[in-house]
Amino acid sequence: MSITKETKAEIFKKYGTSEKDTGSTEGQIALFTERINHLTGHLKSNKKDYNTERSLVMMVGKRRSLLDYLKSKDIERYRSLIKELGIRK
């Protein structure tokens, strides 16, 4: 099951500046995190789904790129987003 429109709007409303601001770095990172968590749960029950595993690895790479960009632009926003999403241990 993919993420619904309502869930996306809620994520962008919480982490972006508004529901319509789908281009903000924080909103995109939060959306990738939600999708990564969903796919991780799927892969726990479907261990041989290699296409999903490849998609998950690519998504993690995209999120990493966005996090690196945010870190280079504004370290405080980066730190607060990581803490809020619970990405790091």
C-alpha atoms as a PDB file:
ATOM      1  CA  MET A   1       0.000   0.000   0.000  1.00  0.00           C
ATOM      2  CA  SER A   2       1.358   3.384  -0.924  1.00  0.00           C
ATOM      3  CA  ILE A   3       1.034   6.618   0.989  1.00  0.00           C
ATOM      4  CA  THR A   4      -2.318   8.369   0.556  1.00  0.00           C
ATOM      5  CA  LYS A   5      -2.846  11.994  -0.439  1.00  0.00           C
ATOM      6  CA  GLU A   6      -4.046  12.839   3.049  1.00  0.00           C
ATOM      7  CA  THR A   7      -0.908  11.382   4.632  1.00  0.00           C
ATOM      8  CA  LYS A   8       1.315  13.323   2.226  1.00  0.00           C
ATOM      9  CA  ALA A   9      -0.570  16.546   2.911  1.00  0.00           C
ATOM     10  CA  GLU A  10      -0.229  15.962   6.649  1.00  0.00           C
ATOM     11  CA  ILE A  11       3.526  15.340   6.340  1.00  0.00           C
ATOM     12  CA  PHE A  12       4.071  18.482   4.264  1.00  0.00           C
ATOM     13  CA  LYS A  13       1.887  20.511   6.617  1.00  0.00           C
ATOM     14  CA  LYS A  14       3.913  19.349   9.631  1.00  0.00           C
ATOM     15  CA  TYR A  15       7.425  19.553   8.188  1.00  0.00           C
ATOM     16  CA  GLY A  16       7.039  22.013   5.306  1.00  0.00           C
ATOM     17  CA  THR A  17       5.723  25.530   5.378  1.00  0.00           C
ATOM     18  CA  SER A  18       2.249  24.488   4.122  1.00  0.00           C
ATOM     19  CA  GLU A  19       0.341  21.569   2.605  1.00  0.00           C
ATOM     20  CA  LYS A  20       1.075  22.845  -0.902  1.00  0.00           C
ATOM     21  CA  ASP A  21       4.816  23.324  -0.290  1.00  0.00           C
ATOM     22  CA  THR A  22       5.955  19.958  -1.622  1.00  0.00           C
ATOM     23  CA  GLY A  23       9.383  21.233  -2.654  1.00  0.00           C
ATOM     24  CA  SER A  24      10.773  22.066   0.761  1.00  0.00           C
ATOM     25  CA  THR A  25      13.783  19.998   1.731  1.00  0.00           C
ATOM     26  CA  GLU A  26      12.392  19.134   5.161  1.00  0.00           C
ATOM     27  CA  GLY A  27       9.093  17.970   3.675  1.00  0.00           C
ATOM     28  CA  GLN A  28      10.817  15.773   1.109  1.00  0.00           C
ATOM     29  CA  ILE A  29      13.072  14.221   3.753  1.00  0.00           C
ATOM     30  CA  ALA A  30      10.054  13.518   5.967  1.00  0.00           C
ATOM     31  CA  LEU A  31       8.195  11.933   3.041  1.00  0.00           C
ATOM     32  CA  PHE A  32      11.181   9.736   2.174  1.00  0.00           C
ATOM     33  CA  THR A  33      11.440   8.713   5.820  1.00  0.00           C
ATOM     34  CA  GLU A  34       7.766   7.691   5.869  1.00  0.00           C
ATOM     35  CA  ARG A  35       8.174   5.670   2.671  1.00  0.00           C
ATOM     36  CA  ILE A  36      11.390   4.063   3.933  1.00  0.00           C
ATOM     37  CA  ASN A  37       9.688   2.994   7.153  1.00  0.00           C
ATOM     38  CA  HIS A  38       6.788   1.533   5.170  1.00  0.00           C
ATOM     39  CA  LEU A  39       9.082  -0.427   2.835  1.00  0.00           C
ATOM     40  CA  THR A  40      11.182  -1.677   5.738  1.00  0.00           C
ATOM     41  CA  GLY A  41       8.077  -3.191   7.312  1.00  0.00           C
ATOM     42  CA  HIS A  42       7.130  -4.753   3.982  1.00  0.00           C
ATOM     43  CA  LEU A  43      10.574  -6.310   3.565  1.00  0.00           C
ATOM     44  CA  LYS A  44      10.474  -7.866   7.027  1.00  0.00           C
ATOM     45  CA  SER A  45       7.596 -10.075   5.927  1.00  0.00           C
ATOM     46  CA  ASN A  46       8.686 -10.458   2.265  1.00  0.00           C
ATOM     47  CA  LYS A  47      12.371 -11.251   2.428  1.00  0.00           C
ATOM     48  CA  LYS A  48      12.773 -12.225  -1.239  1.00  0.00           C
ATOM     49  CA  ASP A  49      11.221  -9.089  -2.731  1.00  0.00           C
ATOM     50  CA  TYR A  50      14.398  -7.840  -4.368  1.00  0.00           C
ATOM     51  CA  ASN A  51      12.770  -5.095  -6.438  1.00  0.00           C
ATOM     52  CA  THR A  52      11.461  -3.454  -3.289  1.00  0.00           C
ATOM     53  CA  GLU A  53      14.851  -3.895  -1.651  1.00  0.00           C
ATOM     54  CA  ARG A  54      16.508  -2.086  -4.555  1.00  0.00           C
ATOM     55  CA  SER A  55      13.926   0.713  -4.370  1.00  0.00           C
ATOM     56  CA  LEU A  56      14.548   1.032  -0.645  1.00  0.00           C
ATOM     57  CA  VAL A  57      18.304   1.389  -1.152  1.00  0.00           C
ATOM     58  CA  MET A  58      17.761   4.046  -3.829  1.00  0.00           C
ATOM     59  CA  MET A  59      15.350   5.934  -1.567  1.00  0.00           C
ATOM     60  CA  VAL A  60      17.821   5.898   1.308  1.00  0.00           C
ATOM     61  CA  GLY A  61      20.432   7.352  -1.067  1.00  0.00           C
ATOM     62  CA  LYS A  62      18.083  10.147  -2.161  1.00  0.00           C
ATOM     63  CA  ARG A  63      17.257  10.973   1.448  1.00  0.00           C
ATOM     64  CA  ARG A  64      20.979  10.994   2.276  1.00  0.00           C
ATOM     65  CA  SER A  65      21.603  13.475  -0.550  1.00  0.00           C
ATOM     66  CA  LEU A  66      18.849  15.771   0.700  1.00  0.00           C
ATOM     67  CA  LEU A  67      20.170  15.524   4.263  1.00  0.00           C
ATOM     68  CA  ASP A  68      23.681  16.420   3.061  1.00  0.00           C
ATOM     69  CA  TYR A  69      22.257  19.423   1.192  1.00  0.00           C
ATOM     70  CA  LEU A  70      20.327  20.602   4.243  1.00  0.00           C
ATOM     71  CA  LYS A  71      23.386  20.114   6.431  1.00  0.00           C
ATOM     72  CA  SER A  72      25.492  22.287   4.143  1.00  0.00           C
ATOM     73  CA  LYS A  73      22.858  25.050   3.979  1.00  0.00           C
ATOM     74  CA  ASP A  74      21.566  25.226   7.567  1.00  0.00           C
ATOM     75  CA  ILE A  75      23.002  22.972  10.271  1.00  0.00           C
ATOM     76  CA  GLU A  76      20.393  23.944  12.878  1.00  0.00           C
ATOM     77  CA  ARG A  77      17.450  22.962  10.665  1.00  0.00           C
ATOM     78  CA  TYR A  78      19.295  19.710   9.909  1.00  0.00           C
ATOM     79  CA  ARG A  79      19.790  18.895  13.585  1.00  0.00           C
ATOM     80  CA  SER A  80      16.213  19.707  14.545  1.00  0.00           C
ATOM     81  CA  LEU A  81      14.811  17.633  11.665  1.00  0.00           C
ATOM     82  CA  ILE A  82      16.942  14.608  12.538  1.00  0.00           C
ATOM     83  CA  LYS A  83      15.866  14.815  16.159  1.00  0.00           C
ATOM     84  CA  GLU A  84      12.194  15.212  15.228  1.00  0.00           C
ATOM     85  CA  LEU A  85      12.166  12.333  12.727  1.00  0.00           C
ATOM     86  CA  GLY A  86      14.310  10.073  14.888  1.00  0.00           C
ATOM     87  CA  ILE A  87      16.664   9.191  12.042  1.00  0.00           C
ATOM     88  CA  ARG A  88      19.849   8.946  14.116  1.00  0.00           C
ATOM     89  CA  LYS A  89      20.363   6.910  17.238  1.00  0.00           C
END
